[in-house]
Amino acid sequence: MSRTAEYLTALAEDAGLFVELEALTDYAAHVGAEYAVASFEDAYEGEWSTLEDFAHDRLMETDDEYRAVFESCRGWRPSLDMVAWECDYTHTASGHVFRAV
């Protein structure tokens, strides 16, 4: 285990945070170790292949109009404004998605 991983593990354990180390390491690379441990639970959304897949799933869960149009037009997938999504979310190379907090 690298020194960074050991440090993050110690910080997380001290904070009572028990999460996947890979996801925490990805988040810490973007925001710093201390902030990552403090805000991980609020920021972590899960794991998706792409940010567009995450956006589509989120809209299917939360937007009734989007879901109704998508379900009525089989095989159609709308074009999403990914620049807007990228302002609020980060998708890492290992597939983890984090919300800006």
Protein backbone atom coordinates (compact mmCIF):
# COMPACT_ATOMS: atom_id res chain seq x y z
CA MET A 1 0.00 0.00 0.00
CA SER A 2 1.37 3.43 -0.91
CA ARG A 3 1.98 6.13 1.68
CA THR A 4 -0.93 8.12 0.23
CA ALA A 5 -3.26 5.14 0.57
CA GLU A 6 -2.06 4.55 4.13
CA TYR A 7 -2.62 8.22 4.98
CA LEU A 8 -6.12 8.22 3.46
CA THR A 9 -6.99 4.98 5.25
CA ALA A 10 -5.88 6.44 8.58
CA LEU A 11 -7.84 9.67 7.99
CA ALA A 12 -10.94 7.74 6.97
CA GLU A 13 -10.76 5.41 9.96
CA ASP A 14 -10.29 8.37 12.33
CA ALA A 15 -13.38 9.97 10.81
CA GLY A 16 -15.39 6.75 11.04
CA LEU A 17 -15.63 6.57 7.25
CA PHE A 18 -15.56 3.07 5.80
CA VAL A 19 -15.52 3.28 2.01
CA GLU A 20 -13.81 1.73 -0.98
CA LEU A 21 -10.21 2.96 -0.97
CA GLU A 22 -10.06 3.28 -4.78
CA ALA A 23 -13.00 5.69 -4.82
CA LEU A 24 -11.61 7.71 -1.92
CA THR A 25 -8.20 7.89 -3.60
CA ASP A 26 -9.79 9.10 -6.85
CA TYR A 27 -11.69 11.80 -5.00
CA ALA A 28 -8.64 12.87 -2.97
CA ALA A 29 -6.71 13.32 -6.22
CA HIS A 30 -9.24 16.00 -7.19
CA VAL A 31 -9.89 17.78 -3.89
CA GLY A 32 -7.12 16.83 -1.43
CA ALA A 33 -7.01 14.19 1.26
CA GLU A 34 -8.56 16.01 4.21
CA TYR A 35 -11.44 17.50 2.21
CA ALA A 36 -12.04 14.14 0.50
CA VAL A 37 -12.52 12.40 3.83
CA ALA A 38 -14.74 15.20 5.15
CA SER A 39 -17.01 15.40 2.10
CA PHE A 40 -16.85 11.92 0.53
CA GLU A 41 -20.28 10.73 1.66
CA ASP A 42 -21.96 13.87 0.27
CA ALA A 43 -20.01 13.83 -2.99
CA TYR A 44 -19.88 10.16 -4.01
CA GLU A 45 -22.63 9.16 -6.47
CA GLY A 46 -21.43 5.71 -7.53
CA GLU A 47 -19.72 4.07 -10.48
CA TRP A 48 -20.71 4.43 -14.16
CA SER A 49 -18.95 3.77 -17.46
CA THR A 50 -19.35 7.38 -18.55
CA LEU A 51 -20.69 10.62 -17.14
CA GLU A 52 -23.37 10.51 -19.85
CA ASP A 53 -24.59 7.14 -18.54
CA PHE A 54 -24.77 8.64 -15.05
CA ALA A 55 -26.69 11.69 -16.35
CA HIS A 56 -29.15 9.48 -18.22
CA ASP A 57 -29.76 7.29 -15.16
CA ARG A 58 -30.18 10.34 -12.91
CA LEU A 59 -32.71 11.87 -15.31
CA MET A 60 -34.61 8.59 -15.59
CA GLU A 61 -34.90 8.55 -11.78
CA THR A 62 -35.77 12.19 -11.20
CA ASP A 63 -37.37 13.73 -14.31
CA ASP A 64 -40.84 12.42 -15.18
CA GLU A 65 -40.96 14.19 -18.58
CA TYR A 66 -37.56 12.86 -19.63
CA ARG A 67 -38.54 9.33 -18.60
CA ALA A 68 -41.92 9.53 -20.39
CA VAL A 69 -40.35 10.70 -23.66
CA PHE A 70 -37.56 8.15 -23.45
CA GLU A 71 -39.96 5.28 -22.76
CA SER A 72 -42.37 6.29 -25.54
CA CYS A 73 -39.63 6.47 -28.18
CA ARG A 74 -37.90 3.09 -28.00
CA GLY A 75 -34.33 3.12 -29.24
CA TRP A 76 -34.04 6.90 -28.97
CA ARG A 77 -31.55 8.48 -26.61
CA PRO A 78 -31.57 12.24 -26.27
CA SER A 79 -28.48 14.37 -26.59
CA LEU A 80 -27.51 15.72 -23.18
CA ASP A 81 -25.67 18.95 -22.45
CA MET A 82 -22.62 17.29 -20.97
CA VAL A 83 -20.84 20.60 -20.37
CA ALA A 84 -23.52 21.45 -17.81
CA TRP A 85 -23.19 18.04 -16.16
CA GLU A 86 -19.39 18.39 -16.07
CA CYS A 87 -19.81 21.64 -14.12
CA ASP A 88 -21.51 19.77 -11.28
CA TYR A 89 -20.00 16.27 -11.49
CA THR A 90 -16.60 14.66 -11.97
CA HIS A 91 -16.15 11.27 -13.65
CA THR A 92 -12.81 9.62 -12.93
CA ALA A 93 -10.86 7.26 -15.17
CA SER A 94 -11.84 4.35 -12.94
CA GLY A 95 -15.53 5.20 -13.36
CA HIS A 96 -16.38 6.90 -10.07
CA VAL A 97 -18.74 9.89 -10.15
CA PHE A 98 -18.53 12.71 -7.62
CA ARG A 99 -20.85 15.67 -7.17
CA ALA A 100 -19.31 19.07 -6.52
CA VAL A 101 -19.88 19.92 -2.85
